[in-house]
N, C-alpha and C. Protein backbone atom coordinates (compact mmCIF):
# COMPACT_ATOMS: atom_id res chain seq x y z
N UNK A 1 79.78 -18.96 66.28
CA UNK A 1 79.14 -19.23 67.59
C UNK A 1 79.00 -20.82 67.63
N UNK A 2 79.04 -21.22 68.84
CA UNK A 2 79.14 -22.65 69.12
C UNK A 2 77.59 -23.04 69.21
N UNK A 3 77.54 -24.52 69.06
CA UNK A 3 76.06 -24.77 69.00
C UNK A 3 75.49 -24.71 70.57
N UNK A 4 76.29 -24.81 71.50
CA UNK A 4 75.77 -24.63 72.76
C UNK A 4 75.28 -23.27 73.15
N UNK A 5 76.19 -22.40 72.62
CA UNK A 5 75.71 -20.75 72.73
C UNK A 5 74.57 -20.66 71.83
N UNK A 6 74.29 -21.14 70.73
CA UNK A 6 73.09 -20.74 70.01
C UNK A 6 71.89 -21.51 70.74
N UNK A 7 72.00 -22.51 71.26
CA UNK A 7 70.77 -23.04 72.06
C UNK A 7 70.43 -22.37 73.43
N UNK A 8 71.73 -21.92 74.06
CA UNK A 8 71.36 -20.93 75.10
C UNK A 8 70.61 -19.71 74.56
N UNK A 9 71.04 -19.16 73.56
CA UNK A 9 70.30 -17.81 73.00
C UNK A 9 68.91 -18.20 72.67
N UNK A 10 68.64 -19.36 72.15
CA UNK A 10 67.27 -19.76 71.80
C UNK A 10 66.55 -19.92 73.03
N UNK A 11 66.86 -20.67 74.01
CA UNK A 11 66.33 -20.95 74.99
C UNK A 11 65.92 -19.48 75.84
N UNK A 12 66.85 -18.50 75.91
CA UNK A 12 66.70 -17.18 76.48
C UNK A 12 65.67 -16.51 75.80
N UNK A 13 65.64 -16.52 74.27
CA UNK A 13 64.50 -15.98 73.57
C UNK A 13 63.01 -16.52 73.80
N UNK A 14 63.13 -17.96 73.89
CA UNK A 14 61.76 -18.49 74.10
C UNK A 14 61.37 -18.24 75.46
N UNK A 15 62.00 -18.17 76.51
CA UNK A 15 61.51 -18.00 77.89
C UNK A 15 61.34 -16.43 78.16
N UNK A 16 61.67 -15.73 77.13
CA UNK A 16 61.43 -14.20 77.19
C UNK A 16 60.14 -13.77 76.49
N UNK A 17 59.40 -14.78 76.11
CA UNK A 17 58.14 -14.64 75.52
C UNK A 17 57.40 -14.12 76.72
N UNK A 18 56.79 -12.93 76.83
CA UNK A 18 56.16 -12.57 78.00
C UNK A 18 54.67 -13.12 78.03
N UNK A 19 53.91 -13.27 76.93
CA UNK A 19 52.54 -13.75 76.91
C UNK A 19 52.43 -14.91 75.89
N UNK A 20 52.90 -16.23 76.26
CA UNK A 20 52.94 -17.27 75.44
C UNK A 20 51.73 -17.53 74.66
N UNK A 21 50.68 -17.33 75.29
CA UNK A 21 49.35 -17.49 74.66
C UNK A 21 49.01 -16.67 73.46
N UNK A 22 49.65 -15.29 73.47
CA UNK A 22 49.35 -14.48 72.41
C UNK A 22 50.52 -14.27 71.64
N UNK A 23 51.86 -14.22 72.14
CA UNK A 23 53.06 -13.69 71.60
C UNK A 23 53.92 -14.79 70.82
N UNK A 24 53.54 -15.93 70.53
CA UNK A 24 54.59 -16.80 69.88
C UNK A 24 54.47 -16.47 68.37
N UNK A 25 55.60 -15.88 67.73
CA UNK A 25 55.39 -15.47 66.49
C UNK A 25 55.44 -16.79 65.54
N UNK A 26 54.82 -16.65 64.30
CA UNK A 26 54.34 -17.74 63.61
C UNK A 26 55.67 -18.54 63.24
N UNK A 27 56.86 -17.86 62.71
CA UNK A 27 58.13 -18.25 62.73
C UNK A 27 58.60 -19.35 63.88
N UNK A 28 58.39 -19.00 65.09
CA UNK A 28 58.94 -19.90 66.13
C UNK A 28 57.77 -21.03 66.18
N UNK A 29 56.53 -20.83 66.17
CA UNK A 29 55.54 -21.79 66.14
C UNK A 29 55.79 -22.93 65.02
N UNK A 30 56.17 -22.42 63.82
CA UNK A 30 56.52 -23.33 62.60
C UNK A 30 57.54 -24.17 62.98
N UNK A 31 58.61 -23.57 63.65
CA UNK A 31 59.74 -24.30 64.06
C UNK A 31 59.42 -25.48 65.02
N UNK A 32 58.65 -25.03 65.98
CA UNK A 32 58.29 -26.02 67.03
C UNK A 32 57.67 -27.20 66.52
N UNK A 33 56.89 -26.92 65.48
CA UNK A 33 56.01 -28.11 65.04
C UNK A 33 56.82 -29.14 64.29
N UNK A 34 58.10 -28.67 63.68
CA UNK A 34 58.89 -29.73 63.22
C UNK A 34 59.57 -30.79 64.03
N UNK A 35 59.41 -30.37 65.34
CA UNK A 35 60.19 -31.59 66.05
C UNK A 35 59.58 -31.68 67.56
N UNK A 36 58.23 -31.15 67.81
CA UNK A 36 57.45 -31.44 68.94
C UNK A 36 56.19 -31.84 68.35
N UNK A 37 55.51 -32.66 69.31
CA UNK A 37 54.12 -32.93 68.88
C UNK A 37 53.16 -31.96 69.48
N UNK A 38 52.12 -31.53 68.70
CA UNK A 38 51.30 -30.33 69.21
C UNK A 38 50.07 -31.13 69.47
N UNK A 39 49.17 -30.53 70.40
CA UNK A 39 48.08 -31.18 70.87
C UNK A 39 46.84 -30.31 70.21
N UNK A 40 46.01 -31.01 69.55
CA UNK A 40 44.84 -30.37 68.82
C UNK A 40 43.48 -30.93 69.52
N UNK A 41 42.43 -30.01 69.19
CA UNK A 41 41.30 -30.73 69.34
C UNK A 41 40.50 -30.70 67.99
N UNK A 42 39.51 -31.63 67.67
CA UNK A 42 38.73 -31.76 66.45
C UNK A 42 37.39 -31.84 66.73
N UNK A 43 36.56 -31.19 66.00
CA UNK A 43 35.13 -31.18 66.03
C UNK A 43 34.40 -32.11 65.13
N UNK A 44 33.70 -33.02 65.61
CA UNK A 44 32.71 -33.92 64.78
C UNK A 44 31.33 -33.63 65.02
N UNK A 45 30.75 -33.11 63.98
CA UNK A 45 29.38 -32.84 63.94
C UNK A 45 28.62 -33.78 62.96
N UNK A 46 27.56 -34.47 63.69
CA UNK A 46 26.84 -35.55 62.85
C UNK A 46 25.30 -34.99 62.87
N UNK A 47 24.69 -34.87 61.69
CA UNK A 47 23.43 -34.41 61.62
C UNK A 47 22.39 -35.65 61.64
N UNK A 48 21.07 -35.15 61.67
CA UNK A 48 20.05 -36.40 61.82
C UNK A 48 20.08 -37.41 60.98
N UNK A 49 20.65 -37.16 59.73
CA UNK A 49 20.67 -37.92 58.69
C UNK A 49 21.92 -38.86 58.64
N UNK A 50 22.88 -38.64 59.68
CA UNK A 50 23.86 -39.41 59.77
C UNK A 50 25.14 -38.83 58.95
N UNK A 51 25.11 -37.63 58.43
CA UNK A 51 26.10 -36.95 57.55
C UNK A 51 27.19 -36.11 58.66
N UNK A 52 28.43 -36.17 58.21
CA UNK A 52 29.40 -35.49 59.03
C UNK A 52 29.71 -34.26 58.44
N UNK A 53 29.88 -33.05 58.96
CA UNK A 53 30.49 -31.76 58.77
C UNK A 53 31.97 -31.85 58.44
N UNK A 54 32.28 -31.29 57.42
CA UNK A 54 33.44 -31.10 56.99
C UNK A 54 33.85 -29.66 56.43
N UNK A 55 34.88 -28.97 56.35
CA UNK A 55 35.05 -27.75 55.98
C UNK A 55 36.37 -27.83 55.04
N UNK A 56 36.31 -26.91 53.99
CA UNK A 56 37.47 -26.85 52.88
C UNK A 56 38.59 -26.30 53.65
N UNK A 57 39.69 -26.81 53.37
CA UNK A 57 41.23 -26.13 53.88
C UNK A 57 42.11 -26.02 52.63
N UNK A 58 42.48 -25.03 52.54
CA UNK A 58 43.53 -24.68 51.21
C UNK A 58 44.62 -23.94 51.81
N UNK A 59 45.80 -24.37 52.17
CA UNK A 59 46.89 -23.78 52.67
C UNK A 59 48.08 -24.37 52.30
N UNK A 60 49.30 -24.07 52.87
CA UNK A 60 50.63 -24.64 52.36
C UNK A 60 50.73 -25.98 53.08
N UNK A 61 49.89 -26.54 53.97
CA UNK A 61 49.92 -27.82 54.47
C UNK A 61 49.00 -28.70 53.89
N UNK A 62 47.66 -28.38 53.71
CA UNK A 62 46.54 -29.30 53.21
C UNK A 62 45.77 -28.62 52.18
N UNK A 63 45.26 -29.34 51.25
CA UNK A 63 44.26 -28.87 50.29
C UNK A 63 43.15 -29.89 50.14
N UNK A 64 41.93 -29.75 50.69
CA UNK A 64 40.83 -30.57 50.74
C UNK A 64 39.91 -30.44 51.83
N UNK A 65 38.95 -31.35 51.97
CA UNK A 65 37.94 -31.39 52.93
C UNK A 65 38.55 -31.96 54.29
N UNK A 66 38.19 -31.46 55.52
CA UNK A 66 38.74 -31.89 56.61
C UNK A 66 37.77 -31.62 57.92
N UNK A 67 38.04 -32.32 59.06
CA UNK A 67 37.11 -31.97 60.21
C UNK A 67 37.79 -30.47 60.75
N UNK A 68 36.88 -29.82 61.41
CA UNK A 68 37.37 -28.57 62.09
C UNK A 68 38.28 -28.91 63.13
N UNK A 69 39.36 -28.07 63.47
CA UNK A 69 39.97 -28.39 64.48
C UNK A 69 40.83 -27.37 64.88
N UNK A 70 41.72 -27.37 65.85
CA UNK A 70 42.59 -26.25 66.03
C UNK A 70 43.60 -26.72 67.29
N UNK A 71 44.80 -26.09 67.13
CA UNK A 71 45.84 -26.50 68.07
C UNK A 71 45.70 -25.86 69.36
N UNK A 72 45.90 -26.57 70.61
CA UNK A 72 45.52 -25.88 71.73
C UNK A 72 46.83 -24.96 72.09
N UNK A 73 46.27 -23.80 72.46
CA UNK A 73 47.29 -22.59 72.77
C UNK A 73 47.71 -22.77 74.34
N UNK A 74 48.72 -22.32 74.68
CA UNK A 74 49.38 -22.31 75.93
C UNK A 74 48.35 -21.48 76.96
N UNK A 75 48.02 -22.47 77.93
CA UNK A 75 47.20 -22.07 79.14
C UNK A 75 45.69 -22.18 78.82
N UNK A 76 45.35 -22.74 77.91
CA UNK A 76 43.78 -22.69 77.18
C UNK A 76 43.31 -24.07 77.58
N UNK A 77 42.04 -24.21 77.93
CA UNK A 77 41.39 -25.37 78.08
C UNK A 77 40.87 -25.95 76.68
N UNK A 78 40.29 -27.09 76.92
CA UNK A 78 39.87 -27.80 75.75
C UNK A 78 38.70 -27.14 75.31
N UNK A 79 37.81 -26.80 76.33
CA UNK A 79 36.55 -26.08 75.97
C UNK A 79 36.84 -24.87 75.28
N UNK A 80 37.81 -23.94 75.74
CA UNK A 80 38.18 -22.88 75.17
C UNK A 80 38.42 -22.94 73.74
N UNK A 81 39.43 -23.97 73.42
CA UNK A 81 39.74 -24.16 72.13
C UNK A 81 38.77 -24.76 71.11
N UNK A 82 37.81 -25.57 71.69
CA UNK A 82 36.67 -25.98 70.90
C UNK A 82 35.81 -25.06 70.58
N UNK A 83 35.53 -24.02 71.44
CA UNK A 83 34.49 -22.95 71.26
C UNK A 83 35.20 -21.91 70.25
N UNK A 84 36.78 -21.66 70.26
CA UNK A 84 37.32 -20.52 69.39
C UNK A 84 37.30 -21.24 68.08
N UNK A 85 37.50 -22.60 68.14
CA UNK A 85 37.45 -23.21 66.71
C UNK A 85 36.13 -23.28 66.03
N UNK A 86 35.25 -23.54 66.69
CA UNK A 86 33.85 -23.46 66.10
C UNK A 86 33.54 -22.21 65.57
N UNK A 87 33.82 -21.26 66.30
CA UNK A 87 33.55 -19.76 65.95
C UNK A 87 34.15 -19.43 64.89
N UNK A 88 35.57 -19.66 64.81
CA UNK A 88 36.36 -19.39 63.68
C UNK A 88 36.20 -20.11 62.23
N UNK A 89 35.91 -21.34 62.57
CA UNK A 89 35.89 -22.19 61.33
C UNK A 89 34.41 -22.62 60.96
N UNK A 90 33.61 -22.53 61.93
CA UNK A 90 32.07 -22.67 61.50
C UNK A 90 31.24 -21.69 61.59
N UNK A 91 31.71 -20.65 62.43
CA UNK A 91 30.74 -19.29 62.47
C UNK A 91 29.86 -19.50 63.53
N UNK A 92 29.81 -20.37 64.51
CA UNK A 92 28.87 -20.87 65.41
C UNK A 92 29.49 -21.39 66.63
N UNK A 93 28.61 -21.18 67.68
CA UNK A 93 29.10 -21.89 69.12
C UNK A 93 28.74 -23.26 69.08
N UNK A 94 29.51 -23.74 70.03
CA UNK A 94 28.96 -25.33 70.51
C UNK A 94 27.95 -25.45 71.53
N UNK A 95 27.05 -25.97 71.45
CA UNK A 95 26.06 -26.04 72.47
C UNK A 95 26.50 -27.37 73.51
N UNK A 96 26.97 -28.18 73.00
CA UNK A 96 27.31 -29.32 73.95
C UNK A 96 28.46 -30.21 73.15
N UNK A 97 29.41 -30.87 73.95
CA UNK A 97 30.30 -31.88 73.52
C UNK A 97 30.53 -32.97 74.36
N UNK A 98 31.04 -34.05 73.70
CA UNK A 98 31.51 -35.18 74.49
C UNK A 98 32.78 -35.71 73.94
N UNK A 99 33.68 -36.15 74.66
CA UNK A 99 34.80 -36.57 74.14
C UNK A 99 34.77 -38.00 73.35
N UNK A 100 35.19 -38.08 72.50
CA UNK A 100 35.06 -39.49 71.59
C UNK A 100 36.24 -40.47 71.75
N UNK A 101 37.38 -39.76 71.29
CA UNK A 101 38.68 -40.60 71.51
C UNK A 101 39.80 -39.54 71.13
N UNK A 102 41.25 -40.31 71.47
CA UNK A 102 42.30 -39.60 70.95
C UNK A 102 42.77 -40.02 69.55
N UNK A 103 43.58 -39.28 69.01
CA UNK A 103 44.08 -39.67 67.55
C UNK A 103 45.43 -39.23 67.50
N UNK A 104 46.49 -40.10 67.46
CA UNK A 104 47.89 -39.88 67.28
C UNK A 104 48.22 -39.96 65.76
N UNK A 105 48.44 -38.77 65.17
CA UNK A 105 48.74 -38.65 63.69
C UNK A 105 50.08 -39.15 63.28
N UNK A 106 50.90 -38.89 64.42
CA UNK A 106 52.32 -39.16 63.94
C UNK A 106 52.67 -38.07 63.05
N UNK A 107 53.89 -38.36 62.36
CA UNK A 107 54.46 -37.49 61.27
C UNK A 107 53.63 -37.31 60.13
N UNK A 108 53.29 -36.07 59.76
CA UNK A 108 52.48 -35.77 58.56
C UNK A 108 53.06 -34.43 58.16
N UNK A 109 52.31 -33.81 57.22
CA UNK A 109 52.73 -32.55 56.46
C UNK A 109 53.21 -31.39 57.25
N UNK A 110 52.46 -31.25 58.38
CA UNK A 110 52.74 -29.99 59.20
C UNK A 110 53.68 -30.46 60.43
N UNK A 111 53.71 -31.69 60.90
CA UNK A 111 54.60 -32.17 62.05
C UNK A 111 54.22 -33.39 62.50
N UNK A 112 53.66 -33.19 63.88
CA UNK A 112 53.13 -34.48 64.54
C UNK A 112 52.20 -33.96 65.49
N UNK A 113 50.78 -34.25 65.29
CA UNK A 113 49.64 -33.88 65.95
C UNK A 113 49.12 -35.07 66.87
N UNK A 114 48.68 -34.71 68.15
CA UNK A 114 47.91 -35.68 68.92
C UNK A 114 46.69 -34.85 69.03
N UNK A 115 45.35 -35.33 68.67
CA UNK A 115 44.29 -34.85 68.57
C UNK A 115 43.38 -35.43 69.50
N UNK A 116 42.43 -34.70 70.25
CA UNK A 116 41.39 -35.18 70.98
C UNK A 116 40.24 -34.85 70.30
N UNK A 117 39.55 -35.93 69.91
CA UNK A 117 38.24 -35.75 69.11
C UNK A 117 37.07 -35.55 70.16
N UNK A 118 36.16 -34.72 69.64
CA UNK A 118 34.99 -34.23 70.33
C UNK A 118 33.83 -34.46 69.39
N UNK A 119 32.62 -35.23 69.82
CA UNK A 119 31.44 -35.09 69.15
C UNK A 119 30.62 -33.94 69.58
N UNK A 120 30.42 -32.95 68.73
CA UNK A 120 29.70 -31.65 69.35
C UNK A 120 28.26 -31.37 68.64
N UNK A 121 27.64 -30.77 69.59
CA UNK A 121 26.18 -30.19 69.14
C UNK A 121 26.39 -28.60 68.79
N UNK A 122 26.08 -28.26 67.80
CA UNK A 122 26.21 -26.74 67.42
C UNK A 122 24.96 -26.02 68.07
N UNK A 123 25.12 -24.77 68.42
CA UNK A 123 24.20 -23.83 69.03
C UNK A 123 23.04 -23.21 67.78
N UNK A 124 23.70 -23.70 66.47
CA UNK A 124 22.98 -23.04 65.49
C UNK A 124 23.45 -23.76 64.19
N UNK A 125 22.67 -23.33 62.92
CA UNK A 125 23.29 -24.11 61.55
C UNK A 125 24.83 -23.46 61.46
N UNK A 126 25.59 -24.36 60.80
CA UNK A 126 27.20 -23.82 60.52
C UNK A 126 26.80 -22.88 59.43
N UNK A 127 27.80 -21.72 59.52
CA UNK A 127 27.99 -20.89 58.36
C UNK A 127 28.93 -21.23 57.33
N UNK A 128 29.69 -22.16 57.64
CA UNK A 128 30.76 -22.70 56.82
C UNK A 128 30.74 -24.30 56.80
N UNK A 129 31.13 -24.85 55.82
CA UNK A 129 31.31 -26.37 55.81
C UNK A 129 30.05 -26.94 54.89
N UNK A 130 30.23 -28.38 54.69
CA UNK A 130 29.26 -28.96 54.12
C UNK A 130 29.10 -30.41 54.85
N UNK A 131 27.86 -31.00 54.86
CA UNK A 131 27.54 -32.37 55.40
C UNK A 131 27.88 -33.32 54.35
N UNK A 132 28.45 -34.59 54.50
CA UNK A 132 28.73 -35.51 53.91
C UNK A 132 28.36 -36.98 54.32
N UNK A 133 27.75 -37.60 53.60
CA UNK A 133 27.19 -39.00 53.97
C UNK A 133 28.23 -40.06 53.71
N UNK A 134 29.02 -39.94 52.86
CA UNK A 134 30.11 -40.79 52.64
C UNK A 134 31.47 -39.72 52.43
N UNK A 135 32.56 -40.44 52.75
CA UNK A 135 33.74 -39.79 52.72
C UNK A 135 34.14 -39.36 51.32
N UNK A 136 34.30 -37.88 51.35
CA UNK A 136 34.71 -37.30 49.99
C UNK A 136 36.02 -37.59 49.36
N UNK A 137 36.26 -37.68 48.09
CA UNK A 137 37.34 -37.93 47.69
C UNK A 137 38.55 -37.12 47.98
N UNK A 138 38.13 -35.94 48.00
CA UNK A 138 39.12 -34.77 48.44
C UNK A 138 39.29 -34.47 49.84
N UNK A 139 39.09 -35.46 50.68
CA UNK A 139 39.48 -35.26 52.09
C UNK A 139 40.92 -35.48 52.40
N UNK A 140 41.39 -34.49 53.42
CA UNK A 140 42.95 -34.41 53.35
C UNK A 140 43.31 -35.83 53.99
N UNK A 141 44.70 -36.10 53.74
CA UNK A 141 44.98 -37.44 53.91
C UNK A 141 45.10 -37.97 55.28
N UNK A 142 45.41 -37.10 56.29
CA UNK A 142 45.41 -37.51 57.61
C UNK A 142 44.03 -37.63 58.24
N UNK A 143 43.11 -37.11 57.61
CA UNK A 143 41.70 -37.25 57.94
C UNK A 143 40.81 -38.45 57.39
N UNK A 144 41.40 -39.37 56.40
CA UNK A 144 40.89 -40.36 55.86
C UNK A 144 40.69 -41.44 57.08
N UNK A 145 41.72 -41.81 57.68
CA UNK A 145 41.62 -42.70 58.89
C UNK A 145 40.63 -42.17 59.89
N UNK A 146 40.75 -41.03 60.34
CA UNK A 146 39.78 -40.28 61.21
C UNK A 146 38.16 -40.39 60.82
N UNK A 147 37.90 -40.22 59.59
CA UNK A 147 36.58 -40.53 59.12
C UNK A 147 36.10 -41.86 59.44
N UNK A 148 36.86 -42.90 59.15
CA UNK A 148 36.67 -44.21 59.15
C UNK A 148 36.40 -44.55 60.62
N UNK A 149 37.31 -44.14 61.59
CA UNK A 149 37.25 -44.28 63.06
C UNK A 149 36.12 -43.77 63.76
N UNK A 150 35.86 -42.50 63.21
CA UNK A 150 34.62 -41.66 63.67
C UNK A 150 33.34 -42.52 63.19
N UNK A 151 33.25 -42.83 62.15
CA UNK A 151 32.03 -43.56 61.51
C UNK A 151 31.80 -44.80 62.16
N UNK A 152 33.01 -45.56 62.51
CA UNK A 152 32.81 -46.76 63.32
C UNK A 152 32.41 -46.59 64.87
N UNK A 153 32.92 -45.72 65.32
CA UNK A 153 32.69 -45.21 66.91
C UNK A 153 31.18 -44.57 66.79
N UNK A 154 30.86 -43.82 66.35
CA UNK A 154 29.38 -43.10 66.36
C UNK A 154 28.36 -44.06 65.99
N UNK A 155 28.49 -45.16 65.12
CA UNK A 155 27.46 -46.08 64.82
C UNK A 155 27.37 -47.14 65.98
N UNK A 156 28.32 -47.37 66.89
CA UNK A 156 28.38 -48.03 68.04
C UNK A 156 27.21 -47.47 69.14
N UNK A 157 27.14 -46.07 69.09
CA UNK A 157 26.52 -45.54 70.01
C UNK A 157 24.98 -45.40 69.78
């Protein structure tokens, strides 16, 4: 089969996904992340002592502490993704949030993410994660610079 025919078949399969918000198979999602930037939202929670909340991640992409975050799904608002991520990763809802900054990670372990960083106040104590005063040694590589940028930005406020 020619390359053009394979691409036509792929396009037909992709446009045939009836509910892209729910029905994108992991295999397709993983393939898309190898050549398309993905949009993510990341949650920064700072307690009264100035410590930042991180959660442990251990999967095929990363192993270590990281800021909670999630990729925006088709048709989803930033608010929806923030709430779903907080519920899934922290076990609590977000009470309020404010946009802090964008972060273009470029090429990394999973692909290329562009993240929208939000400082969030939680509706209650997180059920998962740990607060850190200083950056932990085991922070995932892509979040080392994020830690430093967030620390610098929130200390200005």
